[in-house]
Amino acid sequence: MPDTAQQFASDNYAGICPEAWAAMAEANAGHAPAYGDDAWTAKASDAFRTLFDRDCEVFFVFNGTAANSLALASLCQSYHSVICASTAHVETDECGAPEFFSNGSKLLVAPSTDGKLSPEAIRAIATQRQDIHFPKPRVVTITQPTETGVVYRPEELAAISATCRELGLVLHMDGSRFSNACAALGCEPADITWRVGVDVLCFGGTKNGMAVGEAILFFDRRQAEDFDYRCKQAGQLASKMRFLSAPWVHMLETGAWRARAAHANACARRLVDGIAGVPELSLMFPTDANGVFLKMAPPLMEALRERGWRFYTFIGGGARFMFAWDSVPERVDALAADLRAVAEASRG
C-alpha cells in the first residue's frame, strides 16, 4: 500500500474539495454542448462577474503555466518584454513557456528578497534602455501571494499600478493562490485587482481544492480580443469544458473559494505558533498566507526527512511547507512536534 500520510510539501498534494467534487458530479449528468457552449461555463463566467463586480471576459484553461503564459502572450508582441521578480514562477518554473507562446518576448528580471516587485524596481528596468536594440517593456507581472508567501497590500498594488500607467505598461497578476491572498487580507477580490489597476488576473483553482483548472479574467474586454483562438491553438480549449468550469460555480457561489483558503492559511499560522521560540528554527519570510519557509541547518532537514516528512528547499535554501484546504490540524501539530524534536536533538 502507498504511504497516504498527509504531507505539506505542496498544496498540489491535496485532493478535490467536496464543493468541486459535487459540481463535477452534477455536470456529469446527461449531455451538454462541447467547447464551452454549455450552461455550466456560462454560469461560472457570470459568477466571476458577480464576485468581482465587473463585466470581465473569462476563460478557463487546464493549468497555471498555460494561464500565465497565454495571458502574457496576448499582451505582448514578440519584440516586447515582461518585467517580473527574480523568484517569479514565470521565470523559474514554467520551462520557457511565456517566451514560447509569445514567440520570444523577453523576461526582464528584478532582484527581490521576498518575491515582491516595487515601483522603483519596475521603473529602473523599464527606463534603463529605450533604444530600438532592446526589447520594449510592455507588461509587469506580479504574483499574489508571492512565491515566498508574502501578500501585496492594496496600497502596494495601487502604487505599482500607478507606475505602470505612467510608463505605459500593462499589469498582470499571477494568482495561483489568489484565494489565499483574499482570505489573508479580508478583502473583496475587486479591491486587489481591477480597482487598484490590475488588467488581467489568472485565478488559481487547482491549489484551492479543484482537480484541475484556472480562470483567466480580462478586466478590459478589449485586451481579450481573439484570446479564444489563442487557447485553442495552445491545446487549452477543453472539449468537455463543463468539467473545468462547473467546479467554479460551486466554489464561488458557496464561498468555498475563500473558506477553504482561510483554513489553509490558518494551518500555516498553526505551524508557526507550534514552533515559536525554537532557536534553531527561524522564519525566512512573514507567514501571510498558506506557506511557511523555515531556515534550518541541513542536519536538521535530514533528520526531519528521516522522520518521513517531505518538503522542498528551492527558494532560498530553506524548508518550505505548504498547507491546503484539507490540512489536518493534528497532522500540523505532528510536524511541529517533530521540528521541535529534531531541533532539541541537535543541541546534543
Protein backbone atom coordinates (compact mmCIF):
# COMPACT_ATOMS: atom_id res chain seq x y z
CA MET A 1 0.00 0.00 0.00
CA PRO A 2 1.29 3.52 -0.77
CA ASP A 3 2.04 5.91 2.07
CA THR A 4 -1.04 8.14 2.34
CA ALA A 5 0.09 10.14 5.36
CA GLN A 6 -0.64 13.81 4.79
CA GLN A 7 2.36 15.83 3.67
CA PHE A 8 2.90 19.56 3.37
CA ALA A 9 5.45 19.74 0.59
CA SER A 10 2.89 21.27 -1.76
CA ASP A 11 -0.75 22.28 -1.76
CA ASN A 12 -0.92 20.36 -5.05
CA TYR A 13 -0.74 17.15 -3.00
CA ALA A 14 -4.32 17.66 -1.80
CA GLY A 15 -7.34 16.03 -3.37
CA ILE A 16 -10.59 17.59 -4.56
CA CYS A 17 -12.70 19.51 -2.07
CA PRO A 18 -16.36 18.49 -1.60
CA GLU A 19 -17.77 21.55 -3.38
CA ALA A 20 -15.72 20.97 -6.52
CA TRP A 21 -16.38 17.22 -6.44
CA ALA A 22 -20.14 17.72 -6.14
CA ALA A 23 -20.17 20.17 -9.04
CA MET A 24 -18.33 17.75 -11.29
CA ALA A 25 -20.81 15.01 -10.37
CA GLU A 26 -23.73 17.28 -11.25
CA ALA A 27 -22.09 18.30 -14.51
CA ASN A 28 -21.64 14.63 -15.38
CA ALA A 29 -25.40 14.10 -15.73
CA GLY A 30 -26.53 13.80 -19.32
CA HIS A 31 -25.09 15.52 -22.37
CA ALA A 32 -24.01 19.13 -22.80
CA PRO A 33 -22.66 21.16 -25.71
CA ALA A 34 -18.89 20.99 -26.17
CA TYR A 35 -16.06 23.54 -26.22
CA GLY A 36 -17.56 25.92 -23.66
CA ASP A 37 -21.03 26.34 -25.16
CA ASP A 38 -22.59 24.68 -22.12
CA ALA A 39 -24.67 26.14 -19.31
CA TRP A 40 -22.02 25.42 -16.64
CA THR A 41 -19.40 27.54 -18.39
CA ALA A 42 -21.83 30.42 -18.84
CA LYS A 43 -22.85 30.18 -15.19
CA ALA A 44 -19.24 30.10 -13.97
CA SER A 45 -18.35 33.13 -16.08
CA ASP A 46 -21.30 35.06 -14.67
CA ALA A 47 -20.32 34.01 -11.14
CA PHE A 48 -16.91 35.60 -11.66
CA ARG A 49 -18.54 38.79 -12.93
CA THR A 50 -20.71 38.89 -9.84
CA LEU A 51 -17.82 38.18 -7.49
CA PHE A 52 -15.63 40.90 -9.00
CA ASP A 53 -18.48 43.34 -9.66
CA ARG A 54 -17.11 43.75 -13.16
CA ASP A 55 -18.19 42.78 -16.66
CA CYS A 56 -14.95 40.93 -17.31
CA GLU A 57 -14.10 38.42 -20.01
CA VAL A 58 -13.47 34.94 -18.58
CA PHE A 59 -11.60 31.95 -19.98
CA PHE A 60 -10.89 28.53 -18.48
CA VAL A 61 -7.68 26.57 -19.04
CA PHE A 62 -6.14 23.43 -17.60
CA ASN A 63 -3.23 24.76 -15.56
CA GLY A 64 -1.32 27.76 -14.27
CA THR A 65 1.51 27.59 -16.78
CA ALA A 66 -0.97 27.91 -19.63
CA ALA A 67 -2.91 30.65 -17.87
CA ASN A 68 0.12 32.83 -17.23
CA SER A 69 1.88 32.15 -20.50
CA LEU A 70 -1.14 32.70 -22.74
CA ALA A 71 -2.22 35.79 -20.84
CA LEU A 72 1.23 37.35 -21.14
CA ALA A 73 1.49 36.36 -24.80
CA SER A 74 -1.82 38.06 -25.51
CA LEU A 75 -0.49 41.31 -24.07
CA CYS A 76 2.84 41.27 -25.92
CA GLN A 77 4.33 41.29 -29.36
CA SER A 78 7.45 39.19 -29.88
CA TYR A 79 9.65 42.28 -29.57
CA HIS A 80 8.19 43.24 -26.18
CA SER A 81 9.44 42.34 -22.71
CA VAL A 82 7.82 41.40 -19.40
CA ILE A 83 9.12 42.69 -16.06
CA CYS A 84 8.97 40.17 -13.20
CA ALA A 85 10.60 39.38 -9.86
CA SER A 86 13.59 37.04 -9.81
CA THR A 87 11.59 34.37 -7.96
CA ALA A 88 8.51 34.65 -10.18
CA HIS A 89 7.04 31.37 -11.33
CA VAL A 90 7.07 32.57 -14.95
CA GLU A 91 10.84 32.98 -14.65
CA THR A 92 11.84 29.91 -12.63
CA ASP A 93 9.21 27.21 -13.10
CA GLU A 94 7.46 27.39 -16.47
CA CYS A 95 10.15 25.95 -18.72
CA GLY A 96 10.26 28.99 -21.00
CA ALA A 97 6.53 28.79 -21.75
CA PRO A 98 5.93 32.57 -21.59
CA GLU A 99 8.69 33.13 -24.14
CA PHE A 100 7.49 30.21 -26.26
CA PHE A 101 3.85 31.27 -26.53
CA SER A 102 4.75 34.93 -27.12
CA ASN A 103 7.19 33.96 -29.89
CA GLY A 104 10.10 35.38 -27.96
CA SER A 105 9.02 38.16 -25.59
CA LYS A 106 11.87 38.51 -23.12
CA LEU A 107 11.51 38.33 -19.33
CA LEU A 108 13.34 41.17 -17.57
CA VAL A 109 14.12 40.08 -14.01
CA ALA A 110 14.26 42.35 -10.97
CA PRO A 111 16.18 41.12 -7.91
CA SER A 112 13.85 40.66 -4.94
CA THR A 113 14.43 39.23 -1.49
CA ASP A 114 10.77 38.49 -0.74
CA GLY A 115 9.37 37.97 -4.24
CA LYS A 116 7.75 41.39 -4.42
CA LEU A 117 8.21 43.96 -7.13
CA SER A 118 8.40 47.62 -6.15
CA PRO A 119 7.58 50.71 -8.22
CA GLU A 120 11.25 51.65 -8.03
CA ALA A 121 12.40 48.29 -9.42
CA ILE A 122 9.85 48.46 -12.21
CA ARG A 123 10.90 51.98 -13.14
CA ALA A 124 14.60 51.11 -13.10
CA ILE A 125 14.12 48.21 -15.52
CA ALA A 126 11.58 49.94 -17.75
CA THR A 127 13.74 53.02 -18.23
CA GLN A 128 17.24 51.51 -18.31
CA ARG A 129 17.21 51.37 -22.09
CA GLN A 130 14.80 52.79 -24.61
CA ASP A 131 16.68 52.21 -27.84
CA ILE A 132 15.43 50.00 -30.64
CA HIS A 133 18.08 47.35 -29.91
CA PHE A 134 16.44 46.41 -26.59
CA PRO A 135 13.11 44.56 -26.17
CA LYS A 136 10.48 47.18 -25.36
CA PRO A 137 8.94 46.80 -21.88
CA ARG A 138 5.24 46.14 -22.21
CA VAL A 139 3.93 44.15 -19.22
CA VAL A 140 4.58 43.88 -15.50
CA THR A 141 3.63 40.58 -13.88
CA ILE A 142 3.27 40.17 -10.13
CA THR A 143 2.38 37.10 -8.07
CA GLN A 144 -0.30 37.34 -5.37
CA PRO A 145 0.76 35.96 -2.92
CA THR A 146 4.38 35.85 -3.99
CA GLU A 147 6.32 32.61 -4.30
CA THR A 148 7.63 33.31 -0.79
CA GLY A 149 4.11 33.50 0.62
CA VAL A 150 4.12 37.26 1.13
CA VAL A 151 0.98 39.21 0.24
CA TYR A 152 0.77 42.52 -1.60
CA ARG A 153 -1.43 45.03 0.25
CA PRO A 154 -3.92 47.13 -1.76
CA GLU A 155 -1.83 50.27 -1.35
CA GLU A 156 1.24 48.47 -2.70
CA LEU A 157 -0.71 47.30 -5.73
CA ALA A 158 -2.07 50.80 -6.31
CA ALA A 159 1.47 52.21 -6.27
CA ILE A 160 2.66 49.58 -8.74
CA SER A 161 -0.32 50.24 -10.98
CA ALA A 162 0.30 53.98 -10.95
CA THR A 163 3.87 53.36 -12.06
CA CYS A 164 2.67 51.06 -14.82
CA ARG A 165 0.20 53.64 -16.08
CA GLU A 166 2.85 56.34 -16.08
CA LEU A 167 5.21 54.13 -18.09
CA GLY A 168 2.58 52.72 -20.44
CA LEU A 169 2.78 49.19 -19.06
CA VAL A 170 0.05 46.58 -18.63
CA LEU A 171 -0.32 44.93 -15.19
CA HIS A 172 -0.83 41.16 -14.99
CA MET A 173 -1.37 39.18 -11.80
CA ASP A 174 -0.40 35.54 -11.35
CA GLY A 175 -2.99 34.47 -8.79
CA SER A 176 -2.34 30.75 -8.44
CA ARG A 177 -3.09 31.26 -4.71
CA PHE A 178 -5.23 34.37 -5.15
CA SER A 179 -7.89 32.95 -2.80
CA ASN A 180 -5.30 32.73 -0.02
CA ALA A 181 -4.40 36.39 -0.53
CA CYS A 182 -8.05 37.48 -0.30
CA ALA A 183 -8.53 35.39 2.83
CA ALA A 184 -5.37 36.80 4.40
CA LEU A 185 -6.30 40.41 3.66
CA GLY A 186 -10.00 40.01 4.42
CA CYS A 187 -10.81 41.99 1.30
CA GLU A 188 -13.03 41.67 -1.73
CA PRO A 189 -11.35 40.33 -4.89
CA ALA A 190 -12.01 43.59 -6.73
CA ASP A 191 -10.10 45.53 -4.08
CA ILE A 192 -6.81 43.92 -5.05
CA THR A 193 -7.41 43.62 -8.78
CA TRP A 194 -9.20 45.99 -11.15
CA ARG A 195 -9.98 48.63 -8.54
CA VAL A 196 -6.26 49.13 -7.98
CA GLY A 197 -5.35 48.87 -11.65
CA VAL A 198 -4.73 45.19 -12.37
CA ASP A 199 -5.59 44.50 -16.02
CA VAL A 200 -5.52 40.70 -16.17
CA LEU A 201 -5.79 38.09 -13.41
CA CYS A 202 -5.01 34.39 -13.58
CA PHE A 203 -7.18 33.00 -10.76
CA GLY A 204 -5.97 29.64 -9.50
CA GLY A 205 -8.37 26.82 -8.71
CA THR A 206 -6.10 23.77 -8.57
CA LYS A 207 -4.28 24.78 -5.39
CA ASN A 208 -7.54 25.62 -3.66
CA GLY A 209 -9.35 22.30 -3.95
CA MET A 210 -10.15 21.75 -7.60
CA ALA A 211 -8.90 18.80 -9.61
CA VAL A 212 -7.70 20.95 -12.48
CA GLY A 213 -8.43 24.34 -13.92
CA GLU A 214 -7.53 28.02 -13.76
CA ALA A 215 -9.57 31.04 -14.80
CA ILE A 216 -8.20 33.99 -16.77
CA LEU A 217 -10.03 37.26 -16.22
CA PHE A 218 -9.58 40.24 -18.53
CA PHE A 219 -11.00 43.29 -16.76
CA ASP A 220 -10.80 45.24 -20.01
CA ARG A 221 -12.59 43.14 -22.61
CA ARG A 222 -10.66 44.79 -25.44
CA GLN A 223 -7.48 43.09 -24.25
CA ALA A 224 -9.15 39.69 -24.68
CA GLU A 225 -9.59 40.01 -28.43
CA ASP A 226 -9.07 36.62 -30.12
CA PHE A 227 -7.94 35.03 -26.85
CA ASP A 228 -10.24 32.08 -27.53
CA TYR A 229 -8.22 31.34 -30.65
CA ARG A 230 -5.01 31.54 -28.64
CA CYS A 231 -6.38 28.97 -26.18
CA LYS A 232 -7.41 26.64 -28.97
CA GLN A 233 -4.05 26.85 -30.69
CA ALA A 234 -2.27 26.10 -27.41
CA GLY A 235 -4.33 22.98 -26.75
CA GLN A 236 -6.23 24.64 -23.88
CA LEU A 237 -9.76 24.59 -25.30
CA ALA A 238 -11.33 21.69 -23.42
CA SER A 239 -13.83 19.72 -25.49
CA LYS A 240 -15.75 18.84 -22.32
CA MET A 241 -15.32 22.33 -20.90
CA ARG A 242 -18.06 21.87 -18.32
CA PHE A 243 -15.69 19.80 -16.20
CA LEU A 244 -13.29 22.75 -15.98
CA SER A 245 -15.95 25.36 -15.35
CA ALA A 246 -18.53 23.56 -13.19
CA PRO A 247 -16.35 23.36 -10.05
CA TRP A 248 -16.01 27.14 -10.13
CA VAL A 249 -19.78 27.51 -9.88
CA HIS A 250 -19.98 25.78 -6.51
CA MET A 251 -16.68 27.22 -5.27
CA LEU A 252 -17.77 30.80 -5.97
CA GLU A 253 -21.47 30.63 -5.14
CA THR A 254 -20.97 28.86 -1.80
CA GLY A 255 -18.00 30.96 -0.71
CA ALA A 256 -15.85 27.83 -0.52
CA TRP A 257 -13.10 29.53 -2.54
CA ARG A 258 -12.42 31.83 0.42
CA ALA A 259 -13.28 29.45 3.28
CA ARG A 260 -11.00 26.70 2.01
CA ALA A 261 -8.15 29.16 1.56
CA ALA A 262 -8.70 30.61 5.03
CA HIS A 263 -8.35 27.12 6.50
CA ALA A 264 -5.05 26.60 4.68
CA ASN A 265 -3.79 29.96 5.93
CA ALA A 266 -4.80 29.09 9.50
CA CYS A 267 -2.87 25.83 9.33
CA ALA A 268 0.25 27.71 8.25
CA ARG A 269 -0.13 30.01 11.22
CA ARG A 270 -0.72 26.97 13.46
CA LEU A 271 2.68 25.58 12.49
CA VAL A 272 4.38 28.92 13.14
CA ASP A 273 2.77 29.12 16.56
CA GLY A 274 3.73 25.50 17.26
CA ILE A 275 7.46 26.12 16.80
CA ALA A 276 7.63 29.60 18.27
CA GLY A 277 10.69 30.14 20.43
CA VAL A 278 12.77 27.29 18.98
CA PRO A 279 16.16 28.96 18.36
CA GLU A 280 17.24 26.52 15.65
CA LEU A 281 14.21 27.41 13.51
CA SER A 282 13.57 30.85 12.08
CA LEU A 283 11.11 32.22 9.57
CA MET A 284 12.64 33.32 6.29
CA PHE A 285 9.57 35.36 5.32
CA PRO A 286 6.40 36.54 7.05
CA THR A 287 3.64 33.93 7.02
CA ASP A 288 0.93 35.95 5.30
CA ALA A 289 -0.87 33.11 3.51
CA ASN A 290 -0.57 29.30 3.42
CA GLY A 291 3.18 28.87 3.16
CA VAL A 292 5.84 28.59 5.87
CA PHE A 293 9.52 28.97 4.99
CA LEU A 294 11.94 27.87 7.67
CA LYS A 295 15.64 28.50 7.87
CA MET A 296 17.25 25.47 9.49
CA ALA A 297 20.58 23.69 9.37
CA PRO A 298 21.00 20.87 6.81
CA PRO A 299 21.40 18.17 9.52
CA LEU A 300 18.00 19.16 10.92
CA MET A 301 16.44 18.90 7.47
CA GLU A 302 17.90 15.42 7.04
CA ALA A 303 16.64 14.37 10.47
CA LEU A 304 13.18 15.64 9.59
CA ARG A 305 13.20 13.70 6.34
CA GLU A 306 14.24 10.57 8.22
CA ARG A 307 11.06 11.00 10.25
CA GLY A 308 9.09 10.74 7.00
CA TRP A 309 8.42 14.38 6.16
CA ARG A 310 8.61 15.73 2.62
CA PHE A 311 9.38 19.34 1.75
CA TYR A 312 11.13 21.45 -0.86
CA THR A 313 14.13 23.75 -0.49
CA PHE A 314 14.16 25.51 -3.86
CA ILE A 315 13.58 29.06 -2.59
CA GLY A 316 16.48 30.43 -0.61
CA GLY A 317 17.60 27.02 0.62
CA GLY A 318 15.10 26.88 3.46
CA ALA A 319 12.41 24.28 4.10
CA ARG A 320 9.06 25.14 2.52
CA PHE A 321 5.79 23.82 3.92
CA MET A 322 2.52 24.49 2.09
CA PHE A 323 -0.91 23.95 3.59
CA ALA A 324 -4.06 23.09 1.68
CA TRP A 325 -7.83 23.12 2.02
CA ASP A 326 -7.75 19.67 3.67
CA SER A 327 -4.78 20.08 6.00
CA VAL A 328 -5.50 18.28 9.25
CA PRO A 329 -4.64 20.37 12.33
CA GLU A 330 -3.45 17.30 14.25
CA ARG A 331 -1.06 16.48 11.41
CA VAL A 332 0.23 20.06 11.51
CA ASP A 333 0.82 19.59 15.22
CA ALA A 334 2.74 16.37 14.49
CA LEU A 335 5.02 18.27 12.12
CA ALA A 336 5.58 20.96 14.74
CA ALA A 337 6.40 18.30 17.34
CA ASP A 338 8.95 16.65 15.05
CA LEU A 339 10.52 20.01 14.22
CA ARG A 340 10.91 20.72 17.93
CA ALA A 341 12.30 17.24 18.50
CA VAL A 342 14.99 17.40 15.83
CA ALA A 343 15.95 20.87 16.99
CA GLU A 344 16.31 19.67 20.58
CA ALA A 345 18.30 16.62 19.49
CA SER A 346 20.74 18.84 17.61
CA ARG A 347 21.72 20.54 20.84
CA GLY A 348 23.43 17.32 21.93
